[in-house]
Amino acid sequence: MIMANLTVIGGSASQTLAKNLANKLDANYIKASVRIFPDGESKVTIGNKPAGKTIVVQSTHPPVDSNFIQTLSLISKARETSSQVIAVMPYLCYMRQDKEFLPGEVITSAVIAKMLRAVGASKIVIVDIHSKSAIKYFDMPVRNVSAVPKLAMFFKKMKLKNPFVIAADLFWAPQARQFAKILGTESSALNKQRNRKTGNLEIKKSQKMNLVGRDVILVDDMISTGGSIVKAAEYLKKQNCRNIYVACTHALLVGDAEKKIKNAGVLRIISTNTIPGKTNAIDVSDILAESL
């Protein structure tokens, strides 16, 4: 039975995921349509007026700024007739910019938080936010749910040879441990160092890992250009591992990132549908429904 007081609006960037979520919640579904003008402006339209509690679903992957503006527009429009608007933003942009790394840098995650509040969002739901410290900039409830258990269960069903889980950087070491625990194996993390001025990436010698003949699962929250994963794969190949797999929540895969990663020796990339793409193997609509 459809819940008359609950509506899900699917933004143009996340309509399949939004439909899945609406089905899980047994809610009304409204599809948003977007027209892009020659100068790049977006004209957003919804077919029906939502009422009661409304959930706006939209990831802000590339084109990042356009998708974010469309999200703000949908929240603002929904707030006109809804008692409450929850923004489900499975992939939320600008969460890497959570502090002033170099003098003069704008803390853009704080700006994002202010804009979401200004248009009427009462709660934000995110999947594997890049920086949990960015949550402090939001003056409304933020629910950060993890896709790690679902990713791990996917790999548990695969016939891997003595798997070893490795976080692409020290930041994701706790998630790698969680992943490994589900698989009943060990984990470690690579010590990735990036020059803030040049962007150059280097992997420092990590703790000793015996990977000879073992399948490796390289885990990370997001893959953009693939540079970090390529460096990591090259490093791991030198350890004489067997196959390398990549598991990530958000597969941005900008440009030829997927090709570069495969050329570096990665057998397969597994991602969730927070961002639509051909590497999607995990639907997160159920964990989003549970969080709501």
Foldseek 3Di string as FASTA:
>chain_A
DEDLQEEEEEEPQANVLSVLLCVVQSYHYWYKDWDADPVGAIDIDIDDAHEEEYEYEFEQFPVNVNRLVNQLVVLLRNVVHYPAYEYEHQHHPLLVLCDCPDPPDDSVLLVSQVSCVVSGHQEYEYEPRVDPSSVVSHPHHYHYHYCLVVLLVVVLPDDFFQEEEEELAPVCQVSSCVSCVSNVHYYYYWHWDADPVPRDIDTDDGDDDQQAAGEYEYEDAEDAQQPSLLNVLLVVVVSNHDAYEYEYAYYSNPDPNVVSNVVSGHPAYAYDVSGDDPNHDHRCSVVVSVVD
